[in-house]
Structures are given as C-alpha cells and as structure tokens.
Amino acid sequence: MLEDLYNYLYHQNESGGIPLKGTGIVVGLALIAGHLIALLKAAQVKAFLKAFPRNYFWGVVLLSIAFVWGMMCLSNMDMGEFYTLRKWFLIIVPIGFVLVLTNMKEFLSVRALGCLMLLVGGIVLEAAFLQAPASRLLLPCVAYVWIIAGMYFVGMPFLMRDAVNWITAQDQRWKLAAIGGIVYGIAVLVAAVLWW
C-alpha cells in the first residue's frame, strides 16, 4: 500500500501520478483558508505562532508525520548506486528519530515543520513537472518558497521565531501578508479550475 502511495505521489507509474489540477485545487484552497483564518482571527493566530517554535507537542506530532513519510520514501525510492545502503538507512533513520525526539527539544516544532515543508514541496514540484500550461509555474513558485524556508527552519529554526516577531509587530504588515496569501491562493485555484 505504501509503495502504491509513493508511486502515485512521486509519479513513478507509467500512468502518471497525482494530477496537476487536483494539486492546484488543494494548494489554492489551503492558501486561501490558512490566510483567511489569519486575517479574521488575527489575535489567536498570532498567539499560536508566537508559542509554536517552543511547543514540544507540535514538534512530536509533525516530526512523527515527517518520519513516517520519510520512511515511505526511503523504502521505495530509487537510490541508484547507493541501493546497497538502503538497509542501513532503514535502521539508522528510526534511531535518529528517537534521538531527535529525546535530545533536541529546543525548536523541535520548527525543525519538524521544515521537514514537512520539504516533503510537501517535492510533491507539488512533481505534480507540475513538464506540464503544458505556463500558469503551472504558480505551483513551483510556492513550492520553492516552502523548500527554501524549510531548509532554513531545519538548519536555523530561530529564524522562524524572528520572522513571526517581525510580521506580528505591525497590524498593517500582518494584514498585507494575509491578503497576499489569499490573492495568491485565488490565482492558483482559478488557474487550476480553468486551465489545468
């Protein structure tokens, strides 16, 4: 079952995989919903974001999701000339997961979010890869933002705390970011429905 899911998400079947249209609709709706909530419930979302970097519970939840997802990829991906190392990775990664949970509690939620952003960005890129409409580039743009931010969150998680402090410092800045996310989500959703 996990092999079928991997093949679908990462376009390993000859029949293709996760469609561009479906990916666009999901990403568009997620951007609209997330930024609309941030706009309408600003106080609650700001409080959550300020507490999130040091929230161990969310770190455990997000890292567990990333671990299961990563193990699915590791078990099924083509490793080329490193295929002989797969068995070692399948032993080392779970040990690393437990060690991270027990010994790296500082900013764990940000690091785990960064891992998920990298994984989700990869799927979005796969869905848009070599597709015909030029408007598909809306998806890689947001995917690369997630991927770059994810790398920074994993390596320098304090940057998320700094970014949250910066964006929540002024109401106008917060509203502009929320409206920008809604507009981009609408653009992705319209392109997905009309052209993909």
Protein backbone atom coordinates (compact mmCIF):
# COMPACT_ATOMS: atom_id res chain seq x y z
CA MET A 1 0.00 0.00 0.00
CA LEU A 2 2.76 2.47 0.88
CA GLU A 3 4.54 1.60 -2.35
CA ASP A 4 1.40 2.44 -4.33
CA LEU A 5 1.04 5.72 -2.45
CA TYR A 6 4.71 6.58 -3.10
CA ASN A 7 4.34 5.76 -6.81
CA TYR A 8 1.22 7.94 -7.02
CA LEU A 9 2.68 10.93 -5.18
CA TYR A 10 6.01 10.87 -6.98
CA HIS A 11 4.79 9.89 -10.48
CA GLN A 12 6.58 6.53 -10.61
CA ASN A 13 3.79 4.74 -12.51
CA GLU A 14 3.60 4.87 -16.29
CA SER A 15 0.02 6.10 -15.96
CA GLY A 16 1.25 9.15 -14.04
CA GLY A 17 0.50 10.21 -10.52
CA ILE A 18 -1.09 13.00 -8.55
CA PRO A 19 -2.68 15.33 -11.13
CA LEU A 20 -1.77 18.97 -11.63
CA LYS A 21 -5.41 20.06 -11.37
CA GLY A 22 -6.02 18.29 -8.06
CA THR A 23 -2.76 19.57 -6.62
CA GLY A 24 -3.62 23.12 -7.69
CA ILE A 25 -7.08 22.96 -6.13
CA VAL A 26 -5.74 21.60 -2.83
CA VAL A 27 -2.86 24.12 -2.66
CA GLY A 28 -5.14 27.01 -3.66
CA LEU A 29 -7.79 26.13 -1.08
CA ALA A 30 -5.14 25.61 1.62
CA LEU A 31 -3.57 29.01 0.92
CA ILE A 32 -6.95 30.75 0.92
CA ALA A 33 -8.18 29.02 4.09
CA GLY A 34 -4.95 29.45 6.05
CA HIS A 35 -4.54 33.12 5.21
CA LEU A 36 -8.26 33.87 5.66
CA ILE A 37 -8.13 32.42 9.17
CA ALA A 38 -5.00 34.50 9.84
CA LEU A 39 -6.86 37.61 8.67
CA LEU A 40 -10.14 37.01 10.52
CA LYS A 41 -8.73 35.55 13.75
CA ALA A 42 -5.53 37.55 13.89
CA ALA A 43 -5.15 37.60 17.69
CA GLN A 44 -5.49 33.82 18.09
CA VAL A 45 -3.24 33.02 15.12
CA LYS A 46 -0.56 35.47 16.30
CA ALA A 47 -0.61 33.91 19.78
CA PHE A 48 -0.34 30.41 18.30
CA LEU A 49 2.54 31.37 16.01
CA LYS A 50 4.45 33.04 18.84
CA ALA A 51 4.12 29.94 21.02
CA PHE A 52 4.69 27.43 18.20
CA PRO A 53 8.53 27.44 17.97
CA ARG A 54 8.92 26.07 21.51
CA ASN A 55 5.83 23.85 21.54
CA TYR A 56 7.16 20.32 22.07
CA PHE A 57 3.78 18.65 21.45
CA TRP A 58 3.54 20.04 17.93
CA GLY A 59 7.15 19.08 17.38
CA VAL A 60 6.41 15.44 18.22
CA VAL A 61 3.29 15.36 16.03
CA LEU A 62 4.90 16.99 12.99
CA LEU A 63 8.15 15.07 13.27
CA SER A 64 6.24 11.79 13.55
CA ILE A 65 4.37 12.59 10.34
CA ALA A 66 7.63 13.54 8.62
CA PHE A 67 9.26 10.34 9.90
CA VAL A 68 6.53 8.06 8.51
CA TRP A 69 6.54 9.96 5.22
CA GLY A 70 10.35 9.84 5.03
CA MET A 71 10.42 6.11 5.76
CA MET A 72 7.91 5.56 2.96
CA CYS A 73 10.18 7.45 0.58
CA LEU A 74 13.32 5.72 1.82
CA SER A 75 11.74 2.29 1.42
CA ASN A 76 10.60 2.89 -2.15
CA MET A 77 12.81 5.47 -3.84
CA ASP A 78 15.39 4.63 -6.47
CA MET A 79 18.73 5.08 -4.71
CA GLY A 80 20.86 4.41 -7.76
CA GLU A 81 24.32 3.14 -6.89
CA PHE A 82 23.59 3.54 -3.17
CA TYR A 83 20.88 0.85 -3.17
CA THR A 84 23.07 -1.38 -1.00
CA LEU A 85 22.89 1.21 1.79
CA ARG A 86 19.08 1.17 1.98
CA LYS A 87 19.02 -1.45 4.77
CA TRP A 88 21.38 0.68 6.87
CA PHE A 89 19.31 3.82 6.33
CA LEU A 90 16.19 1.90 7.36
CA ILE A 91 17.95 1.11 10.67
CA ILE A 92 19.68 4.46 11.25
CA VAL A 93 16.71 6.76 10.49
CA PRO A 94 14.37 5.35 13.20
CA ILE A 95 17.22 5.54 15.72
CA GLY A 96 17.83 9.15 14.68
CA PHE A 97 14.12 9.89 15.02
CA VAL A 98 14.08 8.67 18.64
CA LEU A 99 17.31 10.53 19.45
CA VAL A 100 15.96 13.78 17.99
CA LEU A 101 12.72 13.47 19.99
CA THR A 102 14.58 12.87 23.24
CA ASN A 103 17.61 15.14 22.86
CA MET A 104 16.68 18.00 20.53
CA LYS A 105 13.65 19.52 22.21
CA GLU A 106 14.65 23.14 21.52
CA PHE A 107 12.75 24.41 18.46
CA LEU A 108 11.71 20.85 17.59
CA SER A 109 8.38 22.03 16.16
CA VAL A 110 10.11 24.42 13.74
CA ARG A 111 12.58 21.77 12.58
CA ALA A 112 9.74 19.27 12.09
CA LEU A 113 7.70 21.85 10.17
CA GLY A 114 10.74 22.45 7.97
CA CYS A 115 10.96 18.71 7.21
CA LEU A 116 7.29 18.63 6.22
CA MET A 117 7.68 21.73 4.05
CA LEU A 118 10.48 19.97 2.15
CA LEU A 119 8.37 16.84 1.67
CA VAL A 120 5.25 18.71 0.55
CA GLY A 121 7.28 20.94 -1.76
CA GLY A 122 8.64 17.85 -3.50
CA ILE A 123 5.15 16.53 -4.25
CA VAL A 124 3.97 19.88 -5.59
CA LEU A 125 7.02 20.07 -7.87
CA GLU A 126 6.37 16.54 -9.15
CA ALA A 127 2.77 17.42 -9.99
CA ALA A 128 3.81 20.47 -12.04
CA PHE A 129 6.88 18.90 -13.70
CA LEU A 130 6.77 19.15 -17.54
CA GLN A 131 3.09 20.07 -17.62
CA ALA A 132 1.89 22.12 -20.58
CA PRO A 133 0.20 25.29 -19.27
CA ALA A 134 2.57 28.13 -18.38
CA SER A 135 0.30 29.01 -15.45
CA ARG A 136 1.55 25.80 -13.78
CA LEU A 137 4.54 27.88 -12.66
CA LEU A 138 2.36 29.23 -9.87
CA LEU A 139 2.85 25.88 -8.11
CA PRO A 140 6.67 25.62 -8.38
CA CYS A 141 6.96 29.21 -7.13
CA VAL A 142 5.13 28.43 -3.89
CA ALA A 143 6.86 25.04 -3.65
CA TYR A 144 10.30 26.64 -3.82
CA VAL A 145 9.31 29.16 -1.15
CA TRP A 146 8.32 26.21 1.08
CA ILE A 147 11.52 24.31 0.24
CA ILE A 148 13.86 27.23 0.90
CA ALA A 149 12.01 28.18 4.10
CA GLY A 150 12.01 24.51 5.14
CA MET A 151 15.79 24.27 4.76
CA TYR A 152 16.26 27.35 6.92
CA PHE A 153 13.77 26.09 9.51
CA VAL A 154 15.65 22.81 9.81
CA GLY A 155 19.10 24.41 9.99
CA MET A 156 18.36 27.72 11.70
CA PRO A 157 14.98 27.36 13.43
CA PHE A 158 15.34 30.61 15.35
CA LEU A 159 14.66 32.40 12.05
CA MET A 160 11.01 31.37 12.24
CA ARG A 161 10.73 32.96 15.67
CA ASP A 162 12.33 36.13 14.30
CA ALA A 163 10.05 36.13 11.24
CA VAL A 164 6.96 35.69 13.41
CA ASN A 165 8.05 38.54 15.67
CA TRP A 166 8.67 40.76 12.64
CA ILE A 167 5.38 40.05 10.88
CA THR A 168 3.27 40.33 14.05
CA ALA A 169 4.90 43.60 15.12
CA GLN A 170 2.58 45.71 12.94
CA ASP A 171 -1.07 45.06 12.11
CA GLN A 172 -0.65 46.51 8.62
CA ARG A 173 2.20 44.10 7.89
CA TRP A 174 0.11 41.17 9.14
CA LYS A 175 -2.92 42.16 7.04
CA LEU A 176 -0.79 42.68 3.93
CA ALA A 177 0.78 39.21 4.31
CA ALA A 178 -2.62 37.57 4.88
CA ILE A 179 -4.24 39.33 1.92
CA GLY A 180 -1.24 38.49 -0.27
CA GLY A 181 -1.61 34.80 0.61
CA ILE A 182 -5.34 34.89 -0.14
CA VAL A 183 -4.76 36.56 -3.52
CA TYR A 184 -2.07 34.04 -4.47
CA GLY A 185 -4.33 31.17 -3.38
CA ILE A 186 -7.16 32.55 -5.54
CA ALA A 187 -4.78 32.79 -8.51
CA VAL A 188 -3.71 29.15 -8.05
CA LEU A 189 -7.31 27.98 -7.60
CA VAL A 190 -8.58 29.86 -10.67
CA ALA A 191 -5.71 28.56 -12.82
CA ALA A 192 -6.32 25.00 -11.59
CA VAL A 193 -10.04 25.10 -12.31
CA LEU A 194 -9.87 26.89 -15.68
CA TRP A 195 -6.65 25.77 -17.34
CA TRP A 196 -5.12 22.71 -15.70
